[in-house]
Amino acid sequence: MVRIASNDDWDAALEPAFAEAGAIQLPPGSRDAAVVTTLTAGNSYTVVVRSMSQAVGETVLEVYELP
């Protein structure tokens, strides 16, 4: 498996991409994770979600295609 991207606490510079995609707006300073990346069409991808502390919990994953 090859890691394409990872994140711990989102960067406010991503806000314009959230708005463009119609994604939920994350609260300023929240510890949510968010990534914007370009993927090659025609490939299959797997998302692995893991907490920094290895704690068990729930995840809401949203995937958007930006124009």
N, C-alpha and C. Protein backbone atom coordinates (compact mmCIF):
# COMPACT_ATOMS: atom_id res chain seq x y z
N MET A 1 0.85 -1.17 0.00
CA MET A 1 0.00 0.00 0.00
C MET A 1 0.90 1.24 0.00
N VAL A 2 0.54 2.21 -0.82
CA VAL A 2 1.28 3.46 -0.92
C VAL A 2 0.43 4.58 -0.32
N ARG A 3 0.99 5.31 0.63
CA ARG A 3 0.27 6.44 1.23
C ARG A 3 0.28 7.62 0.25
N ILE A 4 -0.90 8.13 -0.07
CA ILE A 4 -1.02 9.28 -0.96
C ILE A 4 -1.08 10.57 -0.17
N ALA A 5 -1.80 10.56 0.95
CA ALA A 5 -1.94 11.76 1.76
C ALA A 5 -2.30 11.36 3.19
N SER A 6 -2.00 12.23 4.12
CA SER A 6 -2.43 12.03 5.51
C SER A 6 -2.64 13.41 6.12
N ASN A 7 -3.36 13.43 7.24
CA ASN A 7 -3.67 14.71 7.85
C ASN A 7 -4.03 14.52 9.31
N ASP A 8 -3.64 15.47 10.12
CA ASP A 8 -4.05 15.54 11.52
C ASP A 8 -4.33 17.01 11.80
N ASP A 9 -5.57 17.36 11.93
CA ASP A 9 -6.04 18.74 12.10
C ASP A 9 -5.96 19.47 10.76
N TRP A 10 -7.09 19.85 10.26
CA TRP A 10 -7.19 20.46 8.93
C TRP A 10 -6.61 21.86 8.90
N ASP A 11 -6.25 22.30 7.71
CA ASP A 11 -5.65 23.62 7.47
C ASP A 11 -6.74 24.56 6.95
N ALA A 12 -6.88 25.71 7.57
CA ALA A 12 -7.91 26.68 7.16
C ALA A 12 -7.76 27.11 5.70
N ALA A 13 -6.61 26.91 5.09
CA ALA A 13 -6.41 27.23 3.67
C ALA A 13 -7.28 26.35 2.77
N LEU A 14 -7.86 25.28 3.31
CA LEU A 14 -8.72 24.40 2.53
C LEU A 14 -10.16 24.90 2.43
N GLU A 15 -10.52 25.92 3.20
CA GLU A 15 -11.90 26.41 3.21
C GLU A 15 -12.46 26.71 1.83
N PRO A 16 -11.71 27.36 0.92
CA PRO A 16 -12.27 27.60 -0.42
C PRO A 16 -12.63 26.30 -1.16
N ALA A 17 -11.85 25.26 -0.98
CA ALA A 17 -12.16 23.97 -1.62
C ALA A 17 -13.42 23.36 -1.02
N PHE A 18 -13.62 23.50 0.29
CA PHE A 18 -14.85 23.01 0.93
C PHE A 18 -16.06 23.71 0.30
N ALA A 19 -15.98 25.02 0.18
CA ALA A 19 -17.09 25.79 -0.38
C ALA A 19 -17.35 25.40 -1.83
N GLU A 20 -16.29 25.24 -2.61
CA GLU A 20 -16.42 24.89 -4.03
C GLU A 20 -17.09 23.52 -4.20
N ALA A 21 -16.79 22.60 -3.32
CA ALA A 21 -17.35 21.25 -3.40
C ALA A 21 -18.74 21.15 -2.77
N GLY A 22 -19.15 22.16 -2.00
CA GLY A 22 -20.41 22.09 -1.28
C GLY A 22 -20.30 21.21 -0.04
N ALA A 23 -19.09 21.07 0.47
CA ALA A 23 -18.84 20.23 1.64
C ALA A 23 -19.25 20.95 2.92
N ILE A 24 -19.36 20.19 3.99
CA ILE A 24 -19.65 20.80 5.28
C ILE A 24 -18.50 21.72 5.66
N GLN A 25 -18.82 22.79 6.34
CA GLN A 25 -17.79 23.72 6.80
C GLN A 25 -17.36 23.29 8.19
N LEU A 26 -16.06 23.09 8.37
CA LEU A 26 -15.55 22.68 9.67
C LEU A 26 -15.37 23.90 10.57
N PRO A 27 -15.64 23.76 11.86
CA PRO A 27 -15.47 24.89 12.77
C PRO A 27 -14.00 25.32 12.85
N PRO A 28 -13.73 26.62 12.86
CA PRO A 28 -12.35 27.08 13.00
C PRO A 28 -11.70 26.49 14.24
N GLY A 29 -10.48 26.00 14.08
CA GLY A 29 -9.75 25.44 15.20
C GLY A 29 -10.14 24.02 15.59
N SER A 30 -11.10 23.43 14.85
CA SER A 30 -11.48 22.05 15.19
C SER A 30 -10.34 21.11 14.83
N ARG A 31 -10.36 19.95 15.40
CA ARG A 31 -9.28 18.98 15.18
C ARG A 31 -9.67 17.95 14.13
N ASP A 32 -10.61 18.31 13.26
CA ASP A 32 -11.01 17.41 12.18
C ASP A 32 -9.87 17.25 11.18
N ALA A 33 -9.87 16.15 10.46
CA ALA A 33 -8.87 15.92 9.42
C ALA A 33 -9.53 16.15 8.06
N ALA A 34 -8.80 16.76 7.15
CA ALA A 34 -9.28 16.99 5.79
C ALA A 34 -8.09 17.03 4.84
N VAL A 35 -8.30 16.48 3.66
CA VAL A 35 -7.24 16.42 2.66
C VAL A 35 -7.83 16.79 1.31
N VAL A 36 -7.12 17.58 0.54
CA VAL A 36 -7.45 17.83 -0.86
C VAL A 36 -6.28 17.31 -1.67
N THR A 37 -6.57 16.39 -2.58
CA THR A 37 -5.51 15.79 -3.39
C THR A 37 -6.05 15.45 -4.77
N THR A 38 -5.19 15.25 -5.72
CA THR A 38 -5.57 14.85 -7.06
C THR A 38 -5.27 13.36 -7.22
N LEU A 39 -6.26 12.61 -7.67
CA LEU A 39 -6.11 11.17 -7.87
C LEU A 39 -6.20 10.85 -9.36
N THR A 40 -5.52 9.82 -9.76
CA THR A 40 -5.53 9.40 -11.16
C THR A 40 -6.81 8.64 -11.45
N ALA A 41 -7.52 9.06 -12.49
CA ALA A 41 -8.77 8.40 -12.89
C ALA A 41 -8.50 6.97 -13.30
N GLY A 42 -9.47 6.09 -13.05
CA GLY A 42 -9.37 4.71 -13.46
C GLY A 42 -8.72 3.80 -12.44
N ASN A 43 -8.13 4.35 -11.41
CA ASN A 43 -7.52 3.55 -10.35
C ASN A 43 -8.52 3.34 -9.22
N SER A 44 -8.28 2.34 -8.41
CA SER A 44 -9.07 2.10 -7.20
C SER A 44 -8.26 2.59 -6.01
N TYR A 45 -8.96 3.14 -5.01
CA TYR A 45 -8.28 3.68 -3.83
C TYR A 45 -8.97 3.16 -2.58
N THR A 46 -8.20 3.03 -1.51
CA THR A 46 -8.70 2.61 -0.21
C THR A 46 -8.37 3.70 0.79
N VAL A 47 -9.33 4.04 1.64
CA VAL A 47 -9.11 5.02 2.69
C VAL A 47 -8.96 4.27 4.01
N VAL A 48 -7.89 4.57 4.73
CA VAL A 48 -7.67 4.01 6.06
C VAL A 48 -7.79 5.15 7.06
N VAL A 49 -8.70 5.02 8.00
CA VAL A 49 -8.92 6.05 9.01
C VAL A 49 -8.44 5.49 10.34
N ARG A 50 -7.54 6.23 10.97
CA ARG A 50 -6.95 5.77 12.23
C ARG A 50 -6.76 6.99 13.13
N SER A 51 -7.11 6.88 14.39
CA SER A 51 -6.88 7.99 15.31
C SER A 51 -5.42 8.02 15.72
N MET A 52 -4.94 9.19 16.10
CA MET A 52 -3.55 9.32 16.53
C MET A 52 -3.27 8.48 17.78
N SER A 53 -4.30 8.28 18.62
CA SER A 53 -4.12 7.52 19.86
C SER A 53 -4.55 6.06 19.72
N GLN A 54 -4.93 5.66 18.50
CA GLN A 54 -5.41 4.31 18.24
C GLN A 54 -6.73 4.02 18.94
N ALA A 55 -7.46 5.07 19.34
CA ALA A 55 -8.75 4.90 20.00
C ALA A 55 -9.79 4.39 19.00
N VAL A 56 -10.78 3.71 19.51
CA VAL A 56 -11.88 3.21 18.69
C VAL A 56 -12.97 4.27 18.71
N GLY A 57 -13.59 4.51 17.57
CA GLY A 57 -14.66 5.50 17.51
C GLY A 57 -15.38 5.41 16.18
N GLU A 58 -16.07 6.47 15.83
CA GLU A 58 -16.83 6.52 14.59
C GLU A 58 -16.21 7.53 13.65
N THR A 59 -16.38 7.29 12.36
CA THR A 59 -15.84 8.19 11.34
C THR A 59 -16.93 8.54 10.34
N VAL A 60 -16.99 9.79 9.96
CA VAL A 60 -17.81 10.22 8.85
C VAL A 60 -16.85 10.61 7.75
N LEU A 61 -16.94 9.94 6.63
CA LEU A 61 -16.04 10.19 5.51
C LEU A 61 -16.84 10.76 4.36
N GLU A 62 -16.42 11.91 3.87
CA GLU A 62 -17.06 12.53 2.71
C GLU A 62 -16.02 12.66 1.61
N VAL A 63 -16.38 12.28 0.39
CA VAL A 63 -15.49 12.39 -0.76
C VAL A 63 -16.19 13.23 -1.81
N TYR A 64 -15.50 14.24 -2.32
CA TYR A 64 -16.07 15.14 -3.31
C TYR A 64 -15.14 15.23 -4.52
N GLU A 65 -15.75 15.46 -5.68
CA GLU A 65 -14.97 15.75 -6.88
C GLU A 65 -15.07 17.24 -7.14
N LEU A 66 -13.92 17.89 -7.18
CA LEU A 66 -13.89 19.33 -7.44
C LEU A 66 -13.89 19.56 -8.94
N PRO A 67 -14.56 20.61 -9.37
CA PRO A 67 -14.57 20.90 -10.83
C PRO A 67 -13.20 21.25 -11.35
